[in-house]
């Protein structure tokens, strides 16, 4: 009888080897003409909704866009691009809403910070609660 060789498990070979910093070729900026802006995630509510602090100084409820919902994990403190809802009527004591369209990776944030592209109001230590 022929002996069966042990099958190696695929995918568990080298998970720690991917920690190299990728070379930055292009970093996405918010399109100001379309109303996009930088924001920081302040709190997570669940159901793809979270509170964000935008660069114009307002807190909003952000909804993760359907295209990136299952591909990107957004955590508290992440730098994102948001697109505020223009059709919503602003009312007193009610947070406005926006759509989260992009999340920056760690090396992209470092590049933006080195080149001074992130507004000072979005420093993670200065965000008002």
Foldseek 3Di string as FASTA:
>chain_A
DDDDDDDDDPPPDDPPVPPDDDDDDDDDDFDVVQQKFKWFFAADDDPQWGWIQTPVGAIAIEGEDPVCPVPDDDDHGWIFIWHFDPPDDDDPPDHGYIYTDGTDDPVSVVVCVVVVVHDPCSDVVNRDD
